[in-house]
C-alpha atoms as a PDB file:
ATOM      1  CA  UNK A   1      44.321 -56.431 103.641  1.00  0.00           C
ATOM      2  CA  UNK A   2      44.102 -59.593 100.427  1.00  0.00           C
ATOM      3  CA  UNK A   3      40.927 -57.950  98.604  1.00  0.00           C
ATOM      4  CA  UNK A   4      42.899 -55.034  98.654  1.00  0.00           C
ATOM      5  CA  UNK A   5      45.710 -56.162  97.447  1.00  0.00           C
ATOM      6  CA  UNK A   6      43.763 -58.358  94.492  1.00  0.00           C
ATOM      7  CA  UNK A   7      42.045 -55.239  93.975  1.00  0.00           C
ATOM      8  CA  UNK A   8      45.229 -53.050  93.229  1.00  0.00           C
ATOM      9  CA  UNK A   9      46.811 -55.981  90.868  1.00  0.00           C
ATOM     10  CA  UNK A  10      43.312 -56.066  88.994  1.00  0.00           C
ATOM     11  CA  UNK A  11      44.475 -55.041  85.736  1.00  0.00           C
ATOM     12  CA  UNK A  12      42.815 -51.490  84.267  1.00  0.00           C
ATOM     13  CA  UNK A  13      40.898 -51.893  81.065  1.00  0.00           C
ATOM     14  CA  UNK A  14      41.784 -48.954  78.721  1.00  0.00           C
ATOM     15  CA  UNK A  15      40.240 -47.943  75.370  1.00  0.00           C
ATOM     16  CA  UNK A  16      43.391 -48.475  72.876  1.00  0.00           C
ATOM     17  CA  UNK A  17      43.062 -49.309  68.890  1.00  0.00           C
ATOM     18  CA  UNK A  18      44.528 -52.526  69.858  1.00  0.00           C
ATOM     19  CA  UNK A  19      42.378 -55.569  71.301  1.00  0.00           C
ATOM     20  CA  UNK A  20      44.855 -58.109  72.691  1.00  0.00           C
ATOM     21  CA  UNK A  21      43.698 -61.071  74.611  1.00  0.00           C
ATOM     22  CA  UNK A  22      45.791 -63.099  76.814  1.00  0.00           C
ATOM     23  CA  UNK A  23      44.281 -66.334  76.098  1.00  0.00           C
ATOM     24  CA  UNK A  24      46.037 -66.284  72.810  1.00  0.00           C
ATOM     25  CA  UNK A  25      49.111 -66.181  73.372  1.00  0.00           C
ATOM     26  CA  UNK A  26      50.571 -68.014  70.655  1.00  0.00           C
ATOM     27  CA  UNK A  27      49.182 -66.312  67.886  1.00  0.00           C
ATOM     28  CA  UNK A  28      50.610 -62.564  67.223  1.00  0.00           C
ATOM     29  CA  UNK A  29      48.037 -59.676  67.920  1.00  0.00           C
ATOM     30  CA  UNK A  30      45.819 -58.680  64.720  1.00  0.00           C
ATOM     31  CA  UNK A  31      45.155 -54.804  65.102  1.00  0.00           C
ATOM     32  CA  UNK A  32      42.078 -53.337  64.555  1.00  0.00           C
ATOM     33  CA  UNK A  33      42.012 -50.012  63.107  1.00  0.00           C
ATOM     34  CA  UNK A  34      39.449 -47.691  63.955  1.00  0.00           C
ATOM     35  CA  UNK A  35      37.490 -45.901  60.675  1.00  0.00           C
ATOM     36  CA  UNK A  36      39.231 -42.413  61.397  1.00  0.00           C
ATOM     37  CA  UNK A  37      42.572 -44.184  61.035  1.00  0.00           C
ATOM     38  CA  UNK A  38      43.670 -45.036  57.521  1.00  0.00           C
ATOM     39  CA  UNK A  39      45.679 -48.625  57.220  1.00  0.00           C
ATOM     40  CA  UNK A  40      49.482 -48.528  56.544  1.00  0.00           C
ATOM     41  CA  UNK A  41      48.451 -51.125  52.797  1.00  0.00           C
ATOM     42  CA  UNK A  42      45.888 -48.440  51.537  1.00  0.00           C
ATOM     43  CA  UNK A  43      48.708 -45.759  52.184  1.00  0.00           C
ATOM     44  CA  UNK A  44      51.039 -47.490  50.533  1.00  0.00           C
ATOM     45  CA  UNK A  45      48.938 -48.182  47.747  1.00  0.00           C
ATOM     46  CA  UNK A  46      47.506 -44.699  47.014  1.00  0.00           C
ATOM     47  CA  UNK A  47      50.574 -43.170  45.632  1.00  0.00           C
ATOM     48  CA  UNK A  48      51.307 -46.057  43.172  1.00  0.00           C
ATOM     49  CA  UNK A  49      48.078 -45.362  41.873  1.00  0.00           C
ATOM     50  CA  UNK A  50      48.985 -41.914  41.552  1.00  0.00           C
ATOM     51  CA  UNK A  51      51.688 -42.591  39.374  1.00  0.00           C
ATOM     52  CA  UNK A  52      49.997 -44.514  36.763  1.00  0.00           C
ATOM     53  CA  UNK A  53      51.135 -43.618  33.158  1.00  0.00           C
ATOM     54  CA  UNK A  54      48.165 -41.695  31.448  1.00  0.00           C
ATOM     55  CA  UNK A  55      46.634 -43.685  28.596  1.00  0.00           C
ATOM     56  CA  UNK A  56      48.668 -43.398  24.830  1.00  0.00           C
ATOM     57  CA  UNK A  57      46.734 -40.887  22.768  1.00  0.00           C
ATOM     58  CA  UNK A  58      44.718 -42.251  19.981  1.00  0.00           C
ATOM     59  CA  UNK A  59      46.197 -42.447  16.695  1.00  0.00           C
ATOM     60  CA  UNK A  60      45.373 -40.073  14.199  1.00  0.00           C
ATOM     61  CA  UNK A  61      42.806 -41.197  11.189  1.00  0.00           C
ATOM     62  CA  UNK A  62      44.523 -42.557   8.178  1.00  0.00           C
ATOM     63  CA  UNK A  63      44.932 -39.807   5.751  1.00  0.00           C
ATOM     64  CA  UNK A  64      43.300 -40.818   2.133  1.00  0.00           C
ATOM     65  CA  UNK A  65      45.835 -39.397  -0.720  1.00  0.00           C
ATOM     66  CA  UNK A  66      43.969 -38.347  -3.427  1.00  0.00           C
ATOM     67  CA  UNK A  67      45.581 -39.089  -6.876  1.00  0.00           C
ATOM     68  CA  UNK A  68      47.109 -36.593  -9.403  1.00  0.00           C
ATOM     69  CA  UNK A  69      44.624 -34.985 -11.848  1.00  0.00           C
ATOM     70  CA  UNK A  70      46.697 -36.683 -14.669  1.00  0.00           C
ATOM     71  CA  UNK A  71      46.021 -40.338 -13.049  1.00  0.00           C
ATOM     72  CA  UNK A  72      42.795 -39.684 -12.373  1.00  0.00           C
ATOM     73  CA  UNK A  73      41.973 -38.277 -16.178  1.00  0.00           C
ATOM     74  CA  UNK A  74      44.207 -40.975 -17.283  1.00  0.00           C
ATOM     75  CA  UNK A  75      42.002 -43.733 -14.840  1.00  0.00           C
ATOM     76  CA  UNK A  76      45.257 -45.468 -13.321  1.00  0.00           C
ATOM     77  CA  UNK A  77      46.653 -45.877 -10.142  1.00  0.00           C
ATOM     78  CA  UNK A  78      48.867 -43.099  -8.910  1.00  0.00           C
ATOM     79  CA  UNK A  79      51.869 -43.983  -7.359  1.00  0.00           C
ATOM     80  CA  UNK A  80      54.216 -42.644  -4.510  1.00  0.00           C
ATOM     81  CA  UNK A  81      56.838 -41.236  -6.956  1.00  0.00           C
ATOM     82  CA  UNK A  82      54.198 -40.146  -9.824  1.00  0.00           C
ATOM     83  CA  UNK A  83      56.190 -37.809 -12.400  1.00  0.00           C
ATOM     84  CA  UNK A  84      53.094 -35.762 -13.031  1.00  0.00           C
ATOM     85  CA  UNK A  85      51.869 -35.317  -9.597  1.00  0.00           C
ATOM     86  CA  UNK A  86      54.082 -32.604  -8.009  1.00  0.00           C
ATOM     87  CA  UNK A  87      52.791 -30.213 -11.432  1.00  0.00           C
ATOM     88  CA  UNK A  88      49.097 -31.339 -11.960  1.00  0.00           C
ATOM     89  CA  UNK A  89      47.536 -31.437  -8.646  1.00  0.00           C
ATOM     90  CA  UNK A  90      44.113 -32.642  -8.295  1.00  0.00           C
ATOM     91  CA  UNK A  91      42.503 -29.417  -7.643  1.00  0.00           C
ATOM     92  CA  UNK A  92      43.356 -28.352 -11.286  1.00  0.00           C
ATOM     93  CA  UNK A  93      42.454 -30.729 -13.772  1.00  0.00           C
ATOM     94  CA  UNK A  94      42.163 -28.552 -16.555  1.00  0.00           C
ATOM     95  CA  UNK A  95      45.735 -27.848 -16.567  1.00  0.00           C
ATOM     96  CA  UNK A  96      46.636 -31.543 -17.563  1.00  0.00           C
ATOM     97  CA  UNK A  97      43.156 -31.688 -19.784  1.00  0.00           C
ATOM     98  CA  UNK A  98      44.394 -29.036 -22.480  1.00  0.00           C
ATOM     99  CA  UNK A  99      48.417 -30.379 -22.384  1.00  0.00           C
ATOM    100  CA  UNK A 100      47.156 -33.848 -22.983  1.00  0.00           C
ATOM    101  CA  UNK A 101      45.040 -32.924 -25.697  1.00  0.00           C
ATOM    102  CA  UNK A 102      47.766 -31.633 -27.828  1.00  0.00           C
ATOM    103  CA  UNK A 103      51.062 -33.568 -26.676  1.00  0.00           C
ATOM    104  CA  UNK A 104      49.618 -36.654 -25.404  1.00  0.00           C
ATOM    105  CA  UNK A 105      50.529 -38.094 -21.985  1.00  0.00           C
ATOM    106  CA  UNK A 106      53.784 -39.990 -23.361  1.00  0.00           C
ATOM    107  CA  UNK A 107      55.242 -36.933 -24.567  1.00  0.00           C
ATOM    108  CA  UNK A 108      54.866 -34.611 -21.448  1.00  0.00           C
ATOM    109  CA  UNK A 109      55.959 -37.474 -19.143  1.00  0.00           C
ATOM    110  CA  UNK A 110      59.143 -38.198 -21.812  1.00  0.00           C
ATOM    111  CA  UNK A 111      59.578 -34.349 -21.654  1.00  0.00           C
ATOM    112  CA  UNK A 112      59.637 -33.788 -17.978  1.00  0.00           C
ATOM    113  CA  UNK A 113      61.909 -37.338 -17.300  1.00  0.00           C
ATOM    114  CA  UNK A 114      64.707 -35.619 -19.424  1.00  0.00           C
ATOM    115  CA  UNK A 115      64.958 -32.339 -17.821  1.00  0.00           C
ATOM    116  CA  UNK A 116      65.987 -31.792 -14.287  1.00  0.00           C
ATOM    117  CA  UNK A 117      63.451 -30.860 -11.436  1.00  0.00           C
ATOM    118  CA  UNK A 118      64.252 -27.504 -10.893  1.00  0.00           C
ATOM    119  CA  UNK A 119      63.349 -27.187 -14.722  1.00  0.00           C
ATOM    120  CA  UNK A 120      59.825 -29.051 -14.561  1.00  0.00           C
ATOM    121  CA  UNK A 121      57.829 -26.582 -13.233  1.00  0.00           C
ATOM    122  CA  UNK A 122      58.569 -23.575 -15.865  1.00  0.00           C
ATOM    123  CA  UNK A 123      58.486 -26.776 -18.818  1.00  0.00           C
ATOM    124  CA  UNK A 124      54.938 -27.521 -17.750  1.00  0.00           C
ATOM    125  CA  UNK A 125      53.921 -23.918 -17.369  1.00  0.00           C
ATOM    126  CA  UNK A 126      54.979 -23.281 -21.329  1.00  0.00           C
ATOM    127  CA  UNK A 127      53.354 -26.583 -22.151  1.00  0.00           C
ATOM    128  CA  UNK A 128      50.161 -25.676 -20.847  1.00  0.00           C
ATOM    129  CA  UNK A 129      50.358 -22.012 -21.952  1.00  0.00           C
ATOM    130  CA  UNK A 130      51.403 -23.301 -25.654  1.00  0.00           C
ATOM    131  CA  UNK A 131      48.446 -25.878 -25.942  1.00  0.00           C
ATOM    132  CA  UNK A 132      46.057 -23.477 -25.208  1.00  0.00           C
ATOM    133  CA  UNK A 133      47.506 -20.899 -27.915  1.00  0.00           C
ATOM    134  CA  UNK A 134      47.289 -23.844 -30.248  1.00  0.00           C
ATOM    135  CA  UNK A 135      43.706 -24.547 -29.352  1.00  0.00           C
ATOM    136  CA  UNK A 136      43.014 -20.890 -29.937  1.00  0.00           C
ATOM    137  CA  UNK A 137      44.559 -21.023 -33.018  1.00  0.00           C
ATOM    138  CA  UNK A 138      45.122 -24.613 -34.466  1.00  0.00           C
ATOM    139  CA  UNK A 139      47.347 -22.435 -37.641  1.00  0.00           C
ATOM    140  CA  UNK A 140      49.782 -20.401 -35.475  1.00  0.00           C
ATOM    141  CA  UNK A 141      49.269 -21.134 -32.097  1.00  0.00           C
ATOM    142  CA  UNK A 142      52.269 -18.936 -29.818  1.00  0.00           C
ATOM    143  CA  UNK A 143      53.454 -17.838 -33.392  1.00  0.00           C
ATOM    144  CA  UNK A 144      50.345 -15.844 -34.142  1.00  0.00           C
ATOM    145  CA  UNK A 145      49.860 -14.518 -30.403  1.00  0.00           C
ATOM    146  CA  UNK A 146      53.933 -13.379 -30.958  1.00  0.00           C
ATOM    147  CA  UNK A 147      53.221 -11.643 -34.409  1.00  0.00           C
ATOM    148  CA  UNK A 148      49.686 -10.031 -33.133  1.00  0.00           C
ATOM    149  CA  UNK A 149      52.175  -8.184 -30.136  1.00  0.00           C
ATOM    150  CA  UNK A 150      54.660  -7.079 -32.591  1.00  0.00           C
ATOM    151  CA  UNK A 151      51.669  -5.289 -34.620  1.00  0.00           C
ATOM    152  CA  UNK A 152      50.713  -3.750 -31.782  1.00  0.00           C
ATOM    153  CA  UNK A 153      53.885  -2.376 -30.240  1.00  0.00           C
ATOM    154  CA  UNK A 154      55.020  -1.091 -34.501  1.00  0.00           C
ATOM    155  CA  UNK A 155      51.534   0.646 -34.101  1.00  0.00           C
ATOM    156  CA  UNK A 156      52.402   2.018 -30.884  1.00  0.00           C
ATOM    157  CA  UNK A 157      55.553   3.371 -32.093  1.00  0.00           C
ATOM    158  CA  UNK A 158      53.711   5.186 -35.248  1.00  0.00           C
ATOM    159  CA  UNK A 159      51.605   6.627 -32.960  1.00  0.00           C
ATOM    160  CA  UNK A 160      54.562   7.677 -30.790  1.00  0.00           C
ATOM    161  CA  UNK A 161      56.628   9.204 -33.241  1.00  0.00           C
ATOM    162  CA  UNK A 162      53.639  11.302 -34.626  1.00  0.00           C
ATOM    163  CA  UNK A 163      52.687  12.485 -31.380  1.00  0.00           C
ATOM    164  CA  UNK A 164      56.517  14.088 -30.844  1.00  0.00           C
ATOM    165  CA  UNK A 165      56.294  15.550 -34.386  1.00  0.00           C
ATOM    166  CA  UNK A 166      53.566  17.135 -33.438  1.00  0.00           C
ATOM    167  CA  UNK A 167      54.950  18.319 -29.713  1.00  0.00           C
ATOM    168  CA  UNK A 168      57.953  19.702 -31.821  1.00  0.00           C
ATOM    169  CA  UNK A 169      55.802  21.674 -34.348  1.00  0.00           C
ATOM    170  CA  UNK A 170      53.783  23.242 -31.361  1.00  0.00           C
ATOM    171  CA  UNK A 171      57.238  23.830 -29.507  1.00  0.00           C
ATOM    172  CA  UNK A 172      58.523  25.966 -32.693  1.00  0.00           C
ATOM    173  CA  UNK A 173      55.341  28.081 -33.026  1.00  0.00           C
ATOM    174  CA  UNK A 174      55.616  28.897 -29.585  1.00  0.00           C
ATOM    175  CA  UNK A 175      59.128  30.001 -29.816  1.00  0.00           C
ATOM    176  CA  UNK A 176      57.760  32.290 -32.760  1.00  0.00           C
ATOM    177  CA  UNK A 177      55.075  33.614 -31.224  1.00  0.00           C
ATOM    178  CA  UNK A 178      57.217  34.567 -27.951  1.00  0.00           C
ATOM    179  CA  UNK A 179      59.558  36.315 -30.425  1.00  0.00           C
ATOM    180  CA  UNK A 180      56.629  38.377 -32.557  1.00  0.00           C
ATOM    181  CA  UNK A 181      55.534  39.375 -29.036  1.00  0.00           C
ATOM    182  CA  UNK A 182      58.777  40.544 -27.563  1.00  0.00           C
ATOM    183  CA  UNK A 183      59.241  42.485 -31.433  1.00  0.00           C
ATOM    184  CA  UNK A 184      56.236  44.309 -30.876  1.00  0.00           C
ATOM    185  CA  UNK A 185      57.212  45.387 -27.814  1.00  0.00           C
ATOM    186  CA  UNK A 186      60.348  47.089 -28.282  1.00  0.00           C
ATOM    187  CA  UNK A 187      58.828  48.585 -31.343  1.00  0.00           C
ATOM    188  CA  UNK A 188      56.254  50.212 -29.244  1.00  0.00           C
ATOM    189  CA  UNK A 189      59.004  51.251 -26.700  1.00  0.00           C
ATOM    190  CA  UNK A 190      61.407  53.346 -29.429  1.00  0.00           C
ATOM    191  CA  UNK A 191      58.755  56.110 -30.831  1.00  0.00           C
ATOM    192  CA  UNK A 192      58.436  57.663 -26.753  1.00  0.00           C
ATOM    193  CA  UNK A 193      62.675  57.669 -26.650  1.00  0.00           C
ATOM    194  CA  UNK A 194      62.662  59.575 -30.116  1.00  0.00           C
ATOM    195  CA  UNK A 195      59.859  61.999 -29.236  1.00  0.00           C
ATOM    196  CA  UNK A 196      62.103  62.834 -26.011  1.00  0.00           C
ATOM    197  CA  UNK A 197      65.590  64.599 -27.606  1.00  0.00           C
ATOM    198  CA  UNK A 198      63.506  67.148 -29.972  1.00  0.00           C
ATOM    199  CA  UNK A 199      61.132  68.525 -26.837  1.00  0.00           C
ATOM    200  CA  UNK A 200      61.990  72.479 -26.462  1.00  0.00           C
ATOM    201  CA  UNK A 201      60.889  73.904 -23.238  1.00  0.00           C
ATOM    202  CA  UNK A 202      59.857  77.328 -24.202  1.00  0.00           C
ATOM    203  CA  UNK A 203      59.706  78.657 -20.840  1.00  0.00           C
ATOM    204  CA  UNK A 204      62.932  79.629 -20.476  1.00  0.00           C
ATOM    205  CA  UNK A 205      62.652  81.912 -23.790  1.00  0.00           C
ATOM    206  CA  UNK A 206      61.790  85.677 -22.950  1.00  0.00           C
ATOM    207  CA  UNK A 207      59.037  87.079 -24.831  1.00  0.00           C
ATOM    208  CA  UNK A 208      59.568  90.362 -27.208  1.00  0.00           C
ATOM    209  CA  UNK A 209      57.415  92.410 -25.112  1.00  0.00           C
ATOM    210  CA  UNK A 210      59.113  91.689 -22.094  1.00  0.00           C
ATOM    211  CA  UNK A 211      62.637  91.810 -23.258  1.00  0.00           C
ATOM    212  CA  UNK A 212      61.886  95.820 -24.477  1.00  0.00           C
ATOM    213  CA  UNK A 213      60.224  96.095 -21.210  1.00  0.00           C
ATOM    214  CA  UNK A 214      63.656  95.007 -19.467  1.00  0.00           C
ATOM    215  CA  UNK A 215      65.884  96.925 -21.295  1.00  0.00           C
ATOM    216  CA  UNK A 216      63.698 100.205 -21.629  1.00  0.00           C
ATOM    217  CA  UNK A 217      65.360 101.566 -18.690  1.00  0.00           C
ATOM    218  CA  UNK A 218      68.672 101.662 -20.398  1.00  0.00           C
ATOM    219  CA  UNK A 219      68.049 103.984 -23.154  1.00  0.00           C
ATOM    220  CA  UNK A 220      65.849 106.840 -21.149  1.00  0.00           C
END
């Protein structure tokens, strides 16, 4: 009977994920997790790792600004607020070369500083054009080109006047020719109209022999 009671009281061993030994009652039980169940610490750390900020983007390479054509030709440092930079880009060095050859860099800078920014681009274009004309024609420059254009205009006006006179002459000749043709047509119609009233139809008159034969029964 006692053996049966002891067998009933003896604990039943159940396989659980936690192991606890009665001898170590003073210390709290340490849980042992099976490989199939992740630990809470790993679950709590995983969201923190997923929400980490992305690395900062790489800074762009520094932009190297090339000096303007004027400063490159003059072999000087091109400052940030260079007066010549907006109008003499490094891709068009010939513009400053031509203008500098005729006017000089100091005169160009002085002229641009005296003008508002809205008129500086037109002034640079005028200086480049005038310098090109002065190089082609050192004596007259732009005045020579103007005189040549005026001569062309006068020549064209003379040709236009001559052509207009020839056109008027041809129009007069055409009008005279049309009048002559109309006159000839009217003259050719007049003889036919004059001959029609004088035409006599002799078929209505009786012949003498026919007339005698008609009156012969009356005399018999």
